[in-house]
Protein backbone atom coordinates (compact mmCIF):
# COMPACT_ATOMS: atom_id res chain seq x y z
CA UNK A 1 51.09 -0.90 -34.64
CA UNK A 2 47.69 -0.06 -33.15
CA UNK A 3 46.86 -1.61 -29.80
CA UNK A 4 44.14 -4.27 -29.85
CA UNK A 5 40.70 -3.04 -28.81
CA UNK A 6 39.80 -3.33 -25.14
CA UNK A 7 37.07 -5.76 -24.20
CA UNK A 8 34.20 -4.88 -21.85
CA UNK A 9 35.95 -6.28 -18.78
CA UNK A 10 39.09 -4.24 -19.47
CA UNK A 11 37.08 -1.07 -20.08
CA UNK A 12 35.21 -1.58 -16.83
CA UNK A 13 38.43 -2.23 -14.91
CA UNK A 14 40.19 0.85 -16.29
CA UNK A 15 37.32 3.28 -15.76
CA UNK A 16 36.39 1.97 -12.30
CA UNK A 17 39.95 2.16 -10.97
CA UNK A 18 40.49 4.78 -8.24
CA UNK A 19 42.99 7.61 -8.67
CA UNK A 20 44.95 9.22 -5.85
CA UNK A 21 45.51 12.91 -6.56
CA UNK A 22 48.54 14.88 -5.37
CA UNK A 23 47.70 15.85 -1.80
CA UNK A 24 46.04 12.52 -1.05
CA UNK A 25 42.45 12.90 -2.24
CA UNK A 26 41.11 9.73 -3.86
CA UNK A 27 38.79 9.85 -6.88
CA UNK A 28 36.78 6.63 -6.78
CA UNK A 29 36.85 6.21 -10.57
CA UNK A 30 38.20 7.94 -13.68
CA UNK A 31 35.03 9.85 -14.60
CA UNK A 32 34.81 13.60 -14.03
CA UNK A 33 31.83 15.85 -14.63
CA UNK A 34 33.19 18.92 -16.35
CA UNK A 35 31.63 22.32 -15.72
CA UNK A 36 28.44 23.14 -17.57
CA UNK A 37 26.43 26.34 -17.60
CA UNK A 38 23.55 25.59 -15.23
CA UNK A 39 22.01 29.07 -14.74
CA UNK A 40 20.40 27.81 -11.53
CA UNK A 41 21.40 30.62 -9.20
CA UNK A 42 18.68 32.62 -7.47
CA UNK A 43 17.82 36.23 -8.27
CA UNK A 44 20.31 37.19 -5.55
CA UNK A 45 22.95 34.92 -7.17
CA UNK A 46 22.84 32.39 -4.36
CA UNK A 47 22.88 28.63 -5.00
CA UNK A 48 19.35 27.26 -5.36
CA UNK A 49 17.81 24.01 -4.06
CA UNK A 50 17.76 22.85 -7.69
CA UNK A 51 21.57 22.76 -7.68
CA UNK A 52 21.48 20.51 -4.63
CA UNK A 53 19.08 18.12 -6.38
CA UNK A 54 21.09 18.20 -9.61
CA UNK A 55 24.39 17.33 -7.96
CA UNK A 56 22.86 14.68 -5.73
CA UNK A 57 21.45 13.05 -8.87
CA UNK A 58 24.87 13.05 -10.50
CA UNK A 59 26.49 11.67 -7.35
CA UNK A 60 23.94 8.85 -7.29
CA UNK A 61 24.83 8.25 -10.95
CA UNK A 62 28.32 7.16 -9.94
CA UNK A 63 30.59 10.13 -10.73
CA UNK A 64 34.09 10.10 -9.31
CA UNK A 65 34.48 13.88 -9.32
CA UNK A 66 32.09 16.73 -10.09
CA UNK A 67 33.21 20.22 -11.12
CA UNK A 68 30.44 22.76 -10.67
CA UNK A 69 29.31 25.23 -13.28
CA UNK A 70 31.26 28.48 -13.14
CA UNK A 71 30.81 30.36 -9.88
CA UNK A 72 31.57 34.05 -10.19
CA UNK A 73 33.70 35.90 -7.66
CA UNK A 74 32.19 39.36 -8.20
CA UNK A 75 28.49 40.29 -8.58
CA UNK A 76 29.56 43.17 -10.84
CA UNK A 77 31.12 40.66 -13.25
CA UNK A 78 28.54 38.06 -14.18
CA UNK A 79 29.04 35.78 -17.14
CA UNK A 80 25.36 35.12 -17.80
CA UNK A 81 21.93 35.16 -16.17
CA UNK A 82 21.55 32.76 -13.26
CA UNK A 83 25.20 32.71 -12.18
CA UNK A 84 26.00 31.84 -8.58
CA UNK A 85 28.32 34.40 -6.95
CA UNK A 86 30.52 33.72 -3.92
CA UNK A 87 32.14 36.81 -2.44
CA UNK A 88 31.59 36.07 1.28
CA UNK A 89 29.96 33.47 3.52
CA UNK A 90 26.38 34.79 3.38
CA UNK A 91 25.19 31.66 1.55
CA UNK A 92 27.23 29.17 3.56
CA UNK A 93 24.28 26.97 4.65
CA UNK A 94 23.11 26.33 1.07
CA UNK A 95 26.68 25.96 -0.15
CA UNK A 96 27.11 23.23 2.48
CA UNK A 97 24.01 21.47 1.17
CA UNK A 98 25.43 21.68 -2.35
CA UNK A 99 28.78 20.23 -1.29
CA UNK A 100 27.13 17.49 0.76
CA UNK A 101 24.97 16.49 -2.20
CA UNK A 102 27.98 16.26 -4.49
CA UNK A 103 29.86 14.06 -2.01
CA UNK A 104 26.89 11.92 -1.00
CA UNK A 105 28.03 8.73 -2.73
CA UNK A 106 31.74 8.94 -2.02
CA UNK A 107 32.62 11.22 -4.92
CA UNK A 108 34.51 14.51 -4.80
CA UNK A 109 33.15 17.94 -5.71
CA UNK A 110 35.17 20.97 -6.82
CA UNK A 111 33.76 24.47 -7.23
CA UNK A 112 34.80 26.15 -10.47
CA UNK A 113 35.74 29.82 -9.90
CA UNK A 114 35.54 32.30 -12.75
CA UNK A 115 35.53 35.93 -13.84
CA UNK A 116 34.25 36.66 -17.37
CA UNK A 117 36.44 39.68 -18.15
CA UNK A 118 35.47 41.00 -21.59
CA UNK A 119 33.50 37.91 -22.51
CA UNK A 120 30.00 38.99 -21.53
CA UNK A 121 26.97 40.08 -23.51
CA UNK A 122 25.56 43.60 -23.40
CA UNK A 123 23.27 44.40 -20.51
CA UNK A 124 24.51 41.72 -18.13
CA UNK A 125 26.97 44.02 -16.31
CA UNK A 126 27.35 47.79 -16.05
CA UNK A 127 30.68 47.44 -17.87
CA UNK A 128 33.13 44.79 -18.97
CA UNK A 129 36.79 44.76 -18.01
CA UNK A 130 39.84 42.96 -19.36
CA UNK A 131 43.64 43.03 -19.23
CA UNK A 132 43.54 45.44 -22.18
CA UNK A 133 40.81 47.36 -23.99
CA UNK A 134 40.64 44.94 -26.92
CA UNK A 135 37.14 44.85 -28.44
CA UNK A 136 35.54 41.88 -30.13
CA UNK A 137 35.63 41.74 -33.90
CA UNK A 138 32.94 41.36 -36.53
CA UNK A 139 29.51 40.13 -35.53
CA UNK A 140 30.65 39.51 -31.96
CA UNK A 141 31.15 43.25 -31.47
CA UNK A 142 27.38 43.72 -31.68
CA UNK A 143 26.79 41.31 -28.81
CA UNK A 144 29.80 42.09 -26.60
CA UNK A 145 30.62 45.61 -25.36
CA UNK A 146 34.17 46.92 -25.66
CA UNK A 147 36.01 46.34 -22.36
CA UNK A 148 37.88 48.74 -20.13
CA UNK A 149 41.48 47.88 -19.20
CA UNK A 150 41.91 46.90 -15.56
CA UNK A 151 44.07 49.01 -13.28
CA UNK A 152 46.81 47.29 -11.28
CA UNK A 153 44.89 47.67 -8.01
CA UNK A 154 41.78 46.15 -9.60
CA UNK A 155 43.77 43.11 -10.69
CA UNK A 156 44.99 42.62 -7.15
CA UNK A 157 41.41 42.91 -5.88
CA UNK A 158 40.28 40.18 -8.27
CA UNK A 159 43.07 37.93 -6.99
CA UNK A 160 41.79 38.50 -3.44
CA UNK A 161 38.24 37.72 -4.56
CA UNK A 162 39.30 34.34 -5.97
CA UNK A 163 41.07 33.54 -2.70
CA UNK A 164 38.05 34.57 -0.63
CA UNK A 165 35.69 32.44 -2.72
CA UNK A 166 38.03 29.47 -2.37
CA UNK A 167 38.14 29.90 1.40
CA UNK A 168 34.33 29.94 1.52
CA UNK A 169 34.21 26.81 -0.66
CA UNK A 170 36.55 25.06 1.76
CA UNK A 171 34.41 26.12 4.74
CA UNK A 172 31.32 24.80 2.96
CA UNK A 173 32.86 21.34 2.53
CA UNK A 174 33.85 21.37 -1.13
CA UNK A 175 36.88 19.19 -1.79
CA UNK A 176 38.59 21.82 -3.91
CA UNK A 177 38.23 24.58 -6.48
CA UNK A 178 39.05 24.79 -10.15
CA UNK A 179 40.33 28.03 -11.67
CA UNK A 180 38.67 28.52 -15.06
CA UNK A 181 41.59 29.49 -17.27
CA UNK A 182 40.05 28.43 -20.59
CA UNK A 183 37.38 29.43 -23.15
CA UNK A 184 38.34 33.08 -23.34
CA UNK A 185 37.37 34.19 -19.83
CA UNK A 186 39.51 36.57 -17.75
CA UNK A 187 42.35 34.18 -16.86
CA UNK A 188 42.54 33.10 -20.49
CA UNK A 189 42.51 36.76 -21.53
CA UNK A 190 45.59 37.43 -19.41
CA UNK A 191 47.36 34.44 -20.95
CA UNK A 192 46.58 35.39 -24.53
CA UNK A 193 48.76 37.81 -26.52
CA UNK A 194 45.62 38.72 -28.49
CA UNK A 195 43.78 40.15 -25.47
CA UNK A 196 46.70 41.07 -23.20
CA UNK A 197 48.63 44.01 -24.65
CA UNK A 198 49.89 45.28 -21.30
CA UNK A 199 53.49 46.37 -20.82
CA UNK A 200 53.56 46.22 -17.01
CA UNK A 201 54.15 43.21 -14.73
CA UNK A 202 50.91 41.61 -15.95
CA UNK A 203 51.77 41.52 -19.65
CA UNK A 204 54.38 41.66 -22.39
CA UNK A 205 56.39 38.47 -22.05
CA UNK A 206 54.76 35.04 -21.75
CA UNK A 207 56.03 34.84 -18.17
CA UNK A 208 54.30 38.12 -17.30
CA UNK A 209 51.09 37.04 -18.99
CA UNK A 210 51.14 33.91 -16.80
CA UNK A 211 51.59 35.99 -13.66
CA UNK A 212 47.86 36.51 -13.02
CA UNK A 213 47.15 32.76 -13.09
CA UNK A 214 50.10 31.98 -10.84
CA UNK A 215 49.08 34.73 -8.41
CA UNK A 216 45.62 33.15 -8.22
CA UNK A 217 47.19 29.77 -7.47
CA UNK A 218 49.37 31.21 -4.71
CA UNK A 219 46.59 33.30 -3.15
CA UNK A 220 44.16 30.36 -3.08
CA UNK A 221 46.82 28.15 -1.54
CA UNK A 222 47.41 30.71 1.21
CA UNK A 223 43.68 31.09 1.92
CA UNK A 224 42.71 27.40 2.11
CA UNK A 225 43.67 24.54 4.43
CA UNK A 226 46.22 21.86 3.69
CA UNK A 227 44.72 19.05 1.65
CA UNK A 228 42.18 21.29 -0.08
CA UNK A 229 42.32 20.58 -3.79
CA UNK A 230 43.24 23.13 -6.45
CA UNK A 231 42.84 22.47 -10.17
CA UNK A 232 43.13 24.57 -13.32
CA UNK A 233 41.24 24.39 -16.61
CA UNK A 234 43.38 25.53 -19.55
CA UNK A 235 43.07 25.96 -23.29
CA UNK A 236 45.30 23.76 -25.39
CA UNK A 237 45.10 26.68 -27.85
CA UNK A 238 42.77 29.58 -28.64
CA UNK A 239 42.42 28.55 -32.31
CA UNK A 240 42.44 32.18 -33.44
CA UNK A 241 45.05 34.43 -35.01
CA UNK A 242 47.23 36.06 -32.37
CA UNK A 243 45.93 33.87 -29.55
CA UNK A 244 47.58 31.26 -27.38
CA UNK A 245 49.40 28.58 -29.34
CA UNK A 246 49.82 24.97 -28.29
CA UNK A 247 53.51 25.63 -27.66
CA UNK A 248 52.79 28.46 -25.25
CA UNK A 249 50.02 26.45 -23.59
CA UNK A 250 52.57 23.71 -22.94
CA UNK A 251 54.85 26.29 -21.32
CA UNK A 252 51.99 27.33 -19.05
CA UNK A 253 51.41 23.71 -18.04
CA UNK A 254 55.13 23.39 -17.32
CA UNK A 255 54.99 26.53 -15.14
CA UNK A 256 52.15 24.96 -13.18
CA UNK A 257 53.80 21.57 -12.82
CA UNK A 258 55.50 22.42 -9.51
CA UNK A 259 52.48 24.09 -7.92
CA UNK A 260 51.00 20.95 -6.41
CA UNK A 261 47.80 21.01 -8.45
CA UNK A 262 45.26 18.23 -8.05
CA UNK A 263 44.75 18.04 -11.82
CA UNK A 264 44.74 20.09 -15.02
CA UNK A 265 41.75 19.93 -17.35
CA UNK A 266 42.44 20.51 -21.04
CA UNK A 267 40.01 22.25 -23.37
CA UNK A 268 40.27 24.93 -26.06
CA UNK A 269 38.74 27.85 -27.91
CA UNK A 270 37.02 31.15 -27.06
CA UNK A 271 33.76 32.88 -28.01
CA UNK A 272 35.49 34.14 -31.13
CA UNK A 273 36.77 30.67 -32.04
CA UNK A 274 34.69 28.06 -30.19
CA UNK A 275 36.84 24.99 -30.84
CA UNK A 276 35.07 23.13 -28.06
CA UNK A 277 31.97 23.26 -30.27
CA UNK A 278 33.72 22.77 -33.65
CA UNK A 279 36.66 20.40 -33.27
CA UNK A 280 39.28 20.02 -35.95
CA UNK A 281 38.82 17.07 -38.28
CA UNK A 282 41.84 15.20 -36.90
CA UNK A 283 40.40 15.27 -33.39
CA UNK A 284 36.80 14.70 -34.52
CA UNK A 285 37.84 11.35 -35.93
CA UNK A 286 39.37 10.36 -32.60
CA UNK A 287 36.24 11.15 -30.55
CA UNK A 288 38.16 13.17 -27.90
CA UNK A 289 38.73 16.72 -29.16
CA UNK A 290 41.90 17.70 -27.25
CA UNK A 291 43.56 14.35 -26.59
CA UNK A 292 46.51 15.04 -28.90
CA UNK A 293 47.56 18.00 -26.76
CA UNK A 294 47.42 15.89 -23.60
CA UNK A 295 49.61 13.30 -25.28
CA UNK A 296 52.20 15.94 -26.12
CA UNK A 297 52.19 17.64 -22.75
CA UNK A 298 52.39 14.44 -20.70
CA UNK A 299 56.16 14.33 -21.01
CA UNK A 300 56.51 17.84 -19.56
CA UNK A 301 54.14 17.51 -16.63
CA UNK A 302 53.28 14.75 -14.18
CA UNK A 303 50.21 16.52 -12.80
CA UNK A 304 47.10 14.37 -13.41
CA UNK A 305 45.44 15.38 -16.68
CA UNK A 306 41.80 15.43 -17.73
CA UNK A 307 40.47 15.91 -21.26
CA UNK A 308 36.87 16.99 -21.80
CA UNK A 309 35.04 17.13 -25.09
CA UNK A 310 33.79 14.52 -27.52
CA UNK A 311 33.85 11.30 -25.49
CA UNK A 312 30.83 9.18 -26.35
CA UNK A 313 31.94 5.56 -25.78
CA UNK A 314 33.45 3.58 -22.96
CA UNK A 315 36.00 2.17 -25.39
CA UNK A 316 37.39 5.62 -26.25
CA UNK A 317 37.39 6.72 -22.62
CA UNK A 318 39.23 3.64 -21.42
CA UNK A 319 41.70 3.80 -24.31
CA UNK A 320 42.59 7.39 -23.42
CA UNK A 321 43.31 6.41 -19.80
CA UNK A 322 45.03 3.15 -20.74
CA UNK A 323 47.38 4.99 -23.11
CA UNK A 324 48.65 7.15 -20.26
CA UNK A 325 47.66 10.38 -22.01
CA UNK A 326 45.04 11.23 -19.40
CA UNK A 327 44.17 10.21 -15.88
CA UNK A 328 40.56 11.42 -15.85
CA UNK A 329 37.89 11.52 -18.56
CA UNK A 330 35.75 14.66 -18.58
CA UNK A 331 32.06 14.38 -19.42
CA UNK A 332 29.59 17.22 -19.87
CA UNK A 333 26.64 16.98 -22.28
CA UNK A 334 26.33 13.20 -21.96
CA UNK A 335 25.48 13.69 -18.28
CA UNK A 336 22.68 16.12 -19.13
CA UNK A 337 20.77 13.26 -20.75
CA UNK A 338 22.34 10.26 -19.02
CA UNK A 339 23.06 11.22 -15.38
CA UNK A 340 23.73 7.57 -14.45
CA UNK A 341 26.24 7.05 -17.29
CA UNK A 342 29.26 6.68 -14.93
CA UNK A 343 27.61 3.80 -13.08
CA UNK A 344 26.83 2.12 -16.40
CA UNK A 345 30.40 2.53 -17.63
CA UNK A 346 31.93 1.21 -14.41
CA UNK A 347 29.42 -1.64 -14.25
CA UNK A 348 29.16 -2.74 -17.86
CA UNK A 349 32.32 -1.43 -19.52
CA UNK A 350 31.46 -0.76 -23.13
CA UNK A 351 28.59 1.72 -23.28
CA UNK A 352 28.10 4.07 -26.24
CA UNK A 353 25.72 6.99 -26.52
CA UNK A 354 24.58 9.30 -29.30
CA UNK A 355 23.58 12.83 -28.44
CA UNK A 356 20.92 14.79 -30.34
CA UNK A 357 21.63 18.06 -32.13
CA UNK A 358 18.38 19.95 -31.58
CA UNK A 359 17.19 22.46 -34.15
CA UNK A 360 14.16 24.74 -34.26
CA UNK A 361 13.67 24.43 -38.00
CA UNK A 362 13.86 28.21 -38.27
CA UNK A 363 17.11 28.93 -40.10
CA UNK A 364 17.56 32.42 -38.64
CA UNK A 365 17.23 31.07 -35.10
CA UNK A 366 19.42 28.03 -35.67
CA UNK A 367 22.19 30.30 -36.97
CA UNK A 368 22.36 31.98 -33.55
CA UNK A 369 24.46 29.03 -32.42
CA UNK A 370 22.82 28.94 -28.97
CA UNK A 371 20.11 26.35 -29.58
CA UNK A 372 22.07 23.32 -28.42
CA UNK A 373 23.53 25.04 -25.35
CA UNK A 374 20.11 26.23 -24.18
CA UNK A 375 18.49 22.88 -24.96
CA UNK A 376 21.04 20.99 -22.84
CA UNK A 377 20.76 23.63 -20.13
CA UNK A 378 17.01 22.92 -20.13
CA UNK A 379 17.82 19.28 -19.38
CA UNK A 380 19.83 20.35 -16.34
CA UNK A 381 16.87 22.40 -15.14
CA UNK A 382 14.64 19.33 -15.45
CA UNK A 383 17.03 17.20 -13.38
CA UNK A 384 17.30 19.99 -10.81
CA UNK A 385 13.50 19.98 -10.55
CA UNK A 386 13.51 16.25 -9.83
CA UNK A 387 12.38 15.31 -13.34
CA UNK A 388 13.94 12.95 -15.86
CA UNK A 389 15.75 14.42 -18.88
CA UNK A 390 13.59 14.77 -21.98
CA UNK A 391 15.51 13.89 -25.17
CA UNK A 392 12.41 14.72 -27.21
CA UNK A 393 12.04 18.25 -25.88
CA UNK A 394 11.21 20.81 -28.57
CA UNK A 395 14.13 23.09 -29.35
CA UNK A 396 11.77 25.90 -30.38
CA UNK A 397 9.75 25.69 -27.17
CA UNK A 398 12.97 25.63 -25.15
CA UNK A 399 14.20 28.73 -26.94
CA UNK A 400 10.94 30.62 -26.45
CA UNK A 401 10.88 29.64 -22.78
CA UNK A 402 14.35 31.04 -22.21
CA UNK A 403 13.48 34.26 -24.04
CA UNK A 404 10.33 34.62 -21.92
CA UNK A 405 12.04 34.00 -18.57
CA UNK A 406 15.45 35.62 -19.16
CA UNK A 407 14.90 38.04 -22.04
CA UNK A 408 16.22 37.87 -25.58
CA UNK A 409 19.73 38.71 -24.35
CA UNK A 410 19.99 35.15 -23.09
CA UNK A 411 19.95 33.98 -26.72
CA UNK A 412 23.17 35.80 -27.56
CA UNK A 413 26.50 33.94 -27.51
CA UNK A 414 27.73 32.94 -24.07
CA UNK A 415 29.40 30.04 -22.33
CA UNK A 416 30.07 26.93 -24.42
CA UNK A 417 30.59 23.50 -22.91
């Protein structure tokens, strides 16, 4: 029997309830801003004042916890133009401003740490690297160069870079870091049997393919103070032949269950199979794309869970928390147009939004698949400049503006939300 629908008062009560994370940090409500591609780093890959404004705006909008857009740990391994890179404390003053802005209204802020591995377009880096030299297939091969397999010593260096970046984040006042282990980036590449063909300690068996992620967890723990939060973002599945299955993803969650994580965020897909952009019909009907996986994994892991992707109504968000499947609701694109949505949800209860799907009207351009991402990124740039979002912004003008400022390479496939 289906549970009766929640009324506005119940929705408000559920979403506004605080959550105590393992380690003692308290999230003031159940609403988490998931990472989005901001491209607001400076030419030197430092955080810009626009990031401070953007995250202060979201904090004033009532968020319980913000996860930053992906921060890279190596300037030689950028994911896209405008990435922030943290490899030492040279930008500590601005990082402190960023952290202070994110925490300004009693919320928490975590820095997402990432390395793109093979998942980078041509011309962004001198070369791309991966667990194994597995090239992209089909049309993606034209946009993404074939990677070089990492040597053992290089893998260990990357582990140290993650730990160093986490230590800097802690010194800057961030509440924690999130390891990006989803969407086909380097951590996900190590986990996947499609992209990890190694036969040494970093590959072969599922346990060996999980080693890189677990080494990151242990290194970050050793480099940061007690009470500093550590989270992981994982794919529920890769949704491609030979990739991570839901069963193996559950085993990874189980392996992480005793590591004292603050929370695990569930997503799915890669550049080659962007499930986060094209959910399966069964999940599309339920509004939240990856909720079914969270429901299955809950019995194997008591770490707080967050699902991001598809939530558009307070009723669906509250129902997901009320069911026990998740502890936090992840929001991304809705906050690009409605930065005060969390305050509305916690104040009114039932709030529903509809997001636009911008198109240029030029079929060849719309088929690139980047229009929506760049259009929503444009909204983040407006907020960072102290302006209100513009839901009527022209998709074609946005596209031409990006091509003018960043080059046509910025129009090729890159990070999805």
